[in-house]
Amino acid sequence: MMLQDQPQMNDMGTSVPSPHPDTSSDNTLRAIAYSMDALIPGIYLWWGAWQIRIGGSQPEPNYTGTIHDTRGAAIVLPGYRIYSTYQGSYDPG
């Protein structure tokens, strides 16, 4: 028997966001951009539609940054040290 994710309702009858993170390619790339921009420790790899984020964090809802490169890699270490192939801006557009 398969269980399907049902929207959760709070006491007021409105839906609550699912605890499962969005796994879309754009959101993953946005999470990588946010984590690198905020210097959150982790390992980040992206190559076209293929993205890996080990560590880091989900972006804040109002974060609009992104990565303007189709491929790259970065390591952010504790103590605010970043080693990255990406040298561009995280600003949208």
C-alpha atoms as a PDB file:
ATOM      1  CA  MET A   1       0.000   0.000   0.000  1.00  0.00           C
ATOM      2  CA  MET A   2       1.437   3.402  -0.981  1.00  0.00           C
ATOM      3  CA  LEU A   3       0.940   6.381   1.232  1.00  0.00           C
ATOM      4  CA  GLN A   4       0.481   9.706  -0.458  1.00  0.00           C
ATOM      5  CA  ASP A   5       1.469  13.016   1.085  1.00  0.00           C
ATOM      6  CA  GLN A   6      -1.689  14.733   2.223  1.00  0.00           C
ATOM      7  CA  PRO A   7      -1.666  18.465   2.941  1.00  0.00           C
ATOM      8  CA  GLN A   8      -1.565  19.007   6.678  1.00  0.00           C
ATOM      9  CA  MET A   9      -4.090  21.359   8.219  1.00  0.00           C
ATOM     10  CA  ASN A  10      -3.530  23.581  11.227  1.00  0.00           C
ATOM     11  CA  ASP A  11      -6.162  24.513  13.827  1.00  0.00           C
ATOM     12  CA  MET A  12      -7.522  27.293  11.605  1.00  0.00           C
ATOM     13  CA  GLY A  13      -8.165  24.905   8.696  1.00  0.00           C
ATOM     14  CA  THR A  14      -5.439  26.298   6.451  1.00  0.00           C
ATOM     15  CA  SER A  15      -2.792  24.078   4.901  1.00  0.00           C
ATOM     16  CA  VAL A  16       0.676  23.821   6.385  1.00  0.00           C
ATOM     17  CA  PRO A  17       3.694  23.492   4.074  1.00  0.00           C
ATOM     18  CA  SER A  18       4.965  19.953   3.621  1.00  0.00           C
ATOM     19  CA  PRO A  19       8.023  19.026   5.698  1.00  0.00           C
ATOM     20  CA  HIS A  20       9.575  17.599   2.547  1.00  0.00           C
ATOM     21  CA  PRO A  21      11.911  20.089   0.846  1.00  0.00           C
ATOM     22  CA  ASP A  22      11.279  21.116  -2.739  1.00  0.00           C
ATOM     23  CA  THR A  23      13.606  19.033  -4.882  1.00  0.00           C
ATOM     24  CA  SER A  24      13.245  21.033  -8.081  1.00  0.00           C
ATOM     25  CA  SER A  25      16.402  21.968  -9.917  1.00  0.00           C
ATOM     26  CA  ASP A  26      15.835  25.726  -9.515  1.00  0.00           C
ATOM     27  CA  ASN A  27      15.260  25.466  -5.771  1.00  0.00           C
ATOM     28  CA  THR A  28      18.383  23.307  -5.332  1.00  0.00           C
ATOM     29  CA  LEU A  29      20.483  25.833  -7.242  1.00  0.00           C
ATOM     30  CA  ARG A  30      18.941  28.646  -5.180  1.00  0.00           C
ATOM     31  CA  ALA A  31      19.815  26.724  -1.988  1.00  0.00           C
ATOM     32  CA  ILE A  32      23.408  26.377  -3.199  1.00  0.00           C
ATOM     33  CA  ALA A  33      23.583  30.109  -3.998  1.00  0.00           C
ATOM     34  CA  TYR A  34      22.116  31.000  -0.589  1.00  0.00           C
ATOM     35  CA  SER A  35      24.477  28.681   1.280  1.00  0.00           C
ATOM     36  CA  MET A  36      27.528  30.020  -0.541  1.00  0.00           C
ATOM     37  CA  ASP A  37      26.384  33.625  -0.201  1.00  0.00           C
ATOM     38  CA  ALA A  38      25.824  33.178   3.557  1.00  0.00           C
ATOM     39  CA  LEU A  39      29.072  31.160   3.927  1.00  0.00           C
ATOM     40  CA  ILE A  40      27.277  28.154   5.420  1.00  0.00           C
ATOM     41  CA  PRO A  41      29.710  25.215   5.554  1.00  0.00           C
ATOM     42  CA  GLY A  42      29.152  22.521   2.938  1.00  0.00           C
ATOM     43  CA  ILE A  43      30.193  20.986  -0.364  1.00  0.00           C
ATOM     44  CA  TYR A  44      28.348  22.244  -3.423  1.00  0.00           C
ATOM     45  CA  LEU A  45      28.478  20.885  -6.987  1.00  0.00           C
ATOM     46  CA  TRP A  46      26.381  21.838 -10.001  1.00  0.00           C
ATOM     47  CA  TRP A  47      26.641  20.748 -13.623  1.00  0.00           C
ATOM     48  CA  GLY A  48      23.639  21.661 -15.767  1.00  0.00           C
ATOM     49  CA  ALA A  49      20.566  20.000 -14.274  1.00  0.00           C
ATOM     50  CA  TRP A  50      22.731  17.919 -11.905  1.00  0.00           C
ATOM     51  CA  GLN A  51      23.241  19.493  -8.466  1.00  0.00           C
ATOM     52  CA  ILE A  52      24.566  18.182  -5.170  1.00  0.00           C
ATOM     53  CA  ARG A  53      24.431  20.046  -1.879  1.00  0.00           C
ATOM     54  CA  ILE A  54      26.034  18.415   1.156  1.00  0.00           C
ATOM     55  CA  GLY A  55      25.510  20.680   4.132  1.00  0.00           C
ATOM     56  CA  GLY A  56      24.307  24.206   3.654  1.00  0.00           C
ATOM     57  CA  SER A  57      20.754  25.355   4.202  1.00  0.00           C
ATOM     58  CA  GLN A  58      17.444  25.926   2.450  1.00  0.00           C
ATOM     59  CA  PRO A  59      17.127  29.552   1.294  1.00  0.00           C
ATOM     60  CA  GLU A  60      14.956  32.028   3.146  1.00  0.00           C
ATOM     61  CA  PRO A  61      11.598  32.545   1.404  1.00  0.00           C
ATOM     62  CA  ASN A  62      12.500  36.080   0.287  1.00  0.00           C
ATOM     63  CA  TYR A  63      15.996  35.156  -1.028  1.00  0.00           C
ATOM     64  CA  THR A  64      16.094  35.791  -4.781  1.00  0.00           C
ATOM     65  CA  GLY A  65      19.731  35.005  -5.521  1.00  0.00           C
ATOM     66  CA  THR A  66      20.920  32.379  -7.980  1.00  0.00           C
ATOM     67  CA  ILE A  67      24.059  31.119  -9.685  1.00  0.00           C
ATOM     68  CA  HIS A  68      24.631  32.380 -13.225  1.00  0.00           C
ATOM     69  CA  ASP A  69      26.863  29.536 -14.374  1.00  0.00           C
ATOM     70  CA  THR A  70      26.013  26.102 -15.749  1.00  0.00           C
ATOM     71  CA  ARG A  71      28.748  24.255 -13.862  1.00  0.00           C
ATOM     72  CA  GLY A  72      30.960  24.668 -10.860  1.00  0.00           C
ATOM     73  CA  ALA A  73      32.035  23.473  -7.452  1.00  0.00           C
ATOM     74  CA  ALA A  74      32.559  25.064  -4.066  1.00  0.00           C
ATOM     75  CA  ILE A  75      33.633  24.103  -0.584  1.00  0.00           C
ATOM     76  CA  VAL A  76      32.748  26.356   2.342  1.00  0.00           C
ATOM     77  CA  LEU A  77      34.659  25.555   5.511  1.00  0.00           C
ATOM     78  CA  PRO A  78      33.958  26.627   9.081  1.00  0.00           C
ATOM     79  CA  GLY A  79      35.650  29.927   9.839  1.00  0.00           C
ATOM     80  CA  TYR A  80      34.203  31.571   6.699  1.00  0.00           C
ATOM     81  CA  ARG A  81      36.695  30.105   4.214  1.00  0.00           C
ATOM     82  CA  ILE A  82      35.310  29.494   0.732  1.00  0.00           C
ATOM     83  CA  TYR A  83      36.997  27.810  -2.219  1.00  0.00           C
ATOM     84  CA  SER A  84      34.904  28.076  -5.360  1.00  0.00           C
ATOM     85  CA  THR A  85      35.131  27.944  -9.130  1.00  0.00           C
ATOM     86  CA  TYR A  86      32.227  30.433  -9.228  1.00  0.00           C
ATOM     87  CA  GLN A  87      33.309  34.067  -9.356  1.00  0.00           C
ATOM     88  CA  GLY A  88      30.035  35.704 -10.354  1.00  0.00           C
ATOM     89  CA  SER A  89      27.268  37.521  -8.532  1.00  0.00           C
ATOM     90  CA  TYR A  90      24.368  35.891  -6.679  1.00  0.00           C
ATOM     91  CA  ASP A  91      21.990  38.702  -7.681  1.00  0.00           C
ATOM     92  CA  PRO A  92      18.969  37.725  -9.778  1.00  0.00           C
ATOM     93  CA  GLY A  93      18.844  38.525 -13.460  1.00  0.00           C
END
